């Protein structure tokens, strides 16, 4: 008969700007790993930047189709259309 091992991991996540840094200060007094939600979020953002993902071209995260401009001068409309086609905005 096979035996299954169960591993339970526990951590305390302290979230919110007002208590940023508290996890580092209180880590010695807490019996489980204490994580600062703000620091974790910053590290996650840094990791995503490092991965350099390409923009979505399909699905719910893709840029929506351009909408026609109304009530603008023709020259401003052309300028906006130019930058939309280039992907600047």
Foldseek 3Di string as FASTA:
>chain_A
DDDDDDDDADEAEDEDDVCAPVQVVCVVVDPHRYHYRVVVVVVVVVVVVVVVDDFDCDDPRHDDDDDQDPDDDPVVSVVVVVCVVVVVD
